């Protein structure tokens, strides 16, 4: 029998395997936007919250995965999907605007990593 103390921990224990199974950057656009909306009212202080750190970490992880893939494609002499400069940045407003450009019906199916890749293709297309 589960006592009251353990019953409170049950939801956390049941979701832990799901959270551990996701690689950083695999969060869906829908989940990212929902979490961002929950802290948006805090303005610039939103990034100082645990939720803000997690969202920032998702974007950073997606950017690192993207860069590693692009670098590997370049080293292998393959054509890359986009041609970004070595360094650059995307403002939070630009990023959120890009995510909000996805139709609501597909946001659950698109990962932050895929959204990052699509933004880079749009911003930094390779010369023909």
Protein backbone atom coordinates (compact mmCIF):
# COMPACT_ATOMS: atom_id res chain seq x y z
CA UNK A 1 0.00 0.00 0.00
CA UNK A 2 1.24 3.52 -0.84
CA UNK A 3 1.22 6.04 1.95
CA UNK A 4 0.40 9.73 1.42
CA UNK A 5 4.08 10.75 1.31
CA UNK A 6 4.87 8.30 -1.47
CA UNK A 7 1.63 9.08 -3.33
CA UNK A 8 2.83 12.67 -3.84
CA UNK A 9 6.04 11.40 -5.44
CA UNK A 10 4.27 9.01 -7.80
CA UNK A 11 3.66 11.52 -10.63
CA UNK A 12 7.33 12.56 -10.53
CA UNK A 13 8.52 8.97 -10.58
CA UNK A 14 6.23 8.07 -13.47
CA UNK A 15 7.37 10.98 -15.63
CA UNK A 16 11.09 10.69 -14.85
CA UNK A 17 11.73 7.97 -17.49
CA UNK A 18 10.05 10.15 -20.13
CA UNK A 19 12.15 13.17 -19.24
CA UNK A 20 15.36 11.16 -19.22
CA UNK A 21 14.60 9.57 -22.59
CA UNK A 22 14.43 12.92 -24.37
CA UNK A 23 17.66 14.39 -25.64
CA UNK A 24 18.12 18.14 -25.22
CA UNK A 25 16.58 19.85 -28.23
CA UNK A 26 13.91 17.16 -28.66
CA UNK A 27 11.20 19.13 -26.87
CA UNK A 28 8.32 19.91 -29.22
CA UNK A 29 7.60 23.43 -30.41
CA UNK A 30 4.18 23.16 -28.73
CA UNK A 31 5.71 22.27 -25.35
CA UNK A 32 8.36 24.98 -25.68
CA UNK A 33 5.80 27.67 -26.49
CA UNK A 34 3.51 26.55 -23.65
CA UNK A 35 6.35 26.74 -21.15
CA UNK A 36 7.54 30.06 -22.53
CA UNK A 37 4.03 31.49 -22.22
CA UNK A 38 3.93 30.50 -18.56
CA UNK A 39 6.94 32.71 -17.74
CA UNK A 40 6.65 35.40 -20.43
CA UNK A 41 4.88 37.77 -18.05
CA UNK A 42 8.16 38.07 -16.12
CA UNK A 43 9.85 39.80 -19.07
CA UNK A 44 13.66 39.71 -18.99
CA UNK A 45 13.55 38.00 -15.56
CA UNK A 46 12.00 34.93 -17.19
CA UNK A 47 15.44 33.64 -18.13
CA UNK A 48 16.44 33.65 -14.45
CA UNK A 49 13.76 31.11 -13.55
CA UNK A 50 14.37 27.35 -13.57
CA UNK A 51 11.87 27.09 -16.44
CA UNK A 52 13.76 29.82 -18.32
CA UNK A 53 17.06 28.01 -17.81
CA UNK A 54 15.51 24.81 -19.15
CA UNK A 55 14.14 26.53 -22.25
CA UNK A 56 17.44 28.29 -22.88
CA UNK A 57 19.19 24.93 -22.47
CA UNK A 58 16.92 23.39 -25.11
CA UNK A 59 17.86 26.08 -27.62
CA UNK A 60 21.57 25.89 -26.80
CA UNK A 61 21.52 22.09 -27.11
CA UNK A 62 19.74 22.30 -30.45
CA UNK A 63 22.30 24.85 -31.64
CA UNK A 64 25.21 22.64 -30.59
CA UNK A 65 23.71 19.60 -32.31
CA UNK A 66 23.10 21.67 -35.42
CA UNK A 67 26.66 23.06 -35.45
CA UNK A 68 28.18 19.61 -34.91
CA UNK A 69 26.18 18.26 -37.86
CA UNK A 70 27.09 21.18 -40.14
CA UNK A 71 30.78 20.91 -39.18
CA UNK A 72 30.76 17.15 -39.85
CA UNK A 73 29.11 17.66 -43.24
CA UNK A 74 31.71 20.28 -44.16
CA UNK A 75 34.61 18.06 -43.05
CA UNK A 76 33.20 15.21 -45.13
CA UNK A 77 32.93 17.49 -48.16
CA UNK A 78 29.14 17.18 -48.31
CA UNK A 79 26.71 19.96 -49.11
CA UNK A 80 25.21 21.48 -45.97
CA UNK A 81 21.55 22.35 -45.46
CA UNK A 82 22.47 25.95 -44.65
CA UNK A 83 25.55 28.15 -44.62
CA UNK A 84 25.67 30.07 -41.35
CA UNK A 85 28.59 32.24 -40.28
CA UNK A 86 30.95 30.81 -37.66
CA UNK A 87 29.32 32.91 -34.98
CA UNK A 88 26.01 34.63 -34.71
CA UNK A 89 23.00 34.90 -32.53
CA UNK A 90 19.25 34.88 -32.58
CA UNK A 91 17.33 37.13 -30.26
CA UNK A 92 14.62 35.60 -28.07
CA UNK A 93 12.02 37.60 -30.02
CA UNK A 94 13.29 36.25 -33.37
CA UNK A 95 13.32 32.72 -31.98
CA UNK A 96 9.81 32.90 -30.53
CA UNK A 97 8.52 34.52 -33.70
CA UNK A 98 9.95 31.64 -35.72
CA UNK A 99 8.36 29.05 -33.42
CA UNK A 100 5.01 30.83 -33.55
CA UNK A 101 5.14 30.75 -37.37
CA UNK A 102 4.48 27.00 -37.24
CA UNK A 103 0.79 26.14 -37.60
CA UNK A 104 -0.71 25.00 -34.30
CA UNK A 105 -1.61 21.67 -35.91
CA UNK A 106 2.07 20.71 -36.46
CA UNK A 107 3.74 22.21 -33.39
CA UNK A 108 3.54 18.94 -31.44
CA UNK A 109 5.34 17.10 -34.25
CA UNK A 110 8.25 19.53 -34.69
CA UNK A 111 11.21 19.35 -32.32
CA UNK A 112 13.21 22.36 -31.19
CA UNK A 113 16.19 20.87 -33.07
CA UNK A 114 14.18 20.69 -36.32
CA UNK A 115 12.88 24.22 -35.76
CA UNK A 116 16.44 25.46 -35.20
CA UNK A 117 17.57 23.79 -38.43
CA UNK A 118 14.66 25.35 -40.35
CA UNK A 119 15.48 28.80 -38.98
CA UNK A 120 19.12 28.45 -40.07
CA UNK A 121 18.00 27.37 -43.57
CA UNK A 122 15.80 30.45 -43.77
CA UNK A 123 18.35 32.91 -42.38
CA UNK A 124 21.49 31.48 -43.97
CA UNK A 125 20.72 29.78 -47.27
CA UNK A 126 23.71 28.44 -49.15
CA UNK A 127 24.64 30.22 -52.37
CA UNK A 128 23.41 28.42 -55.47
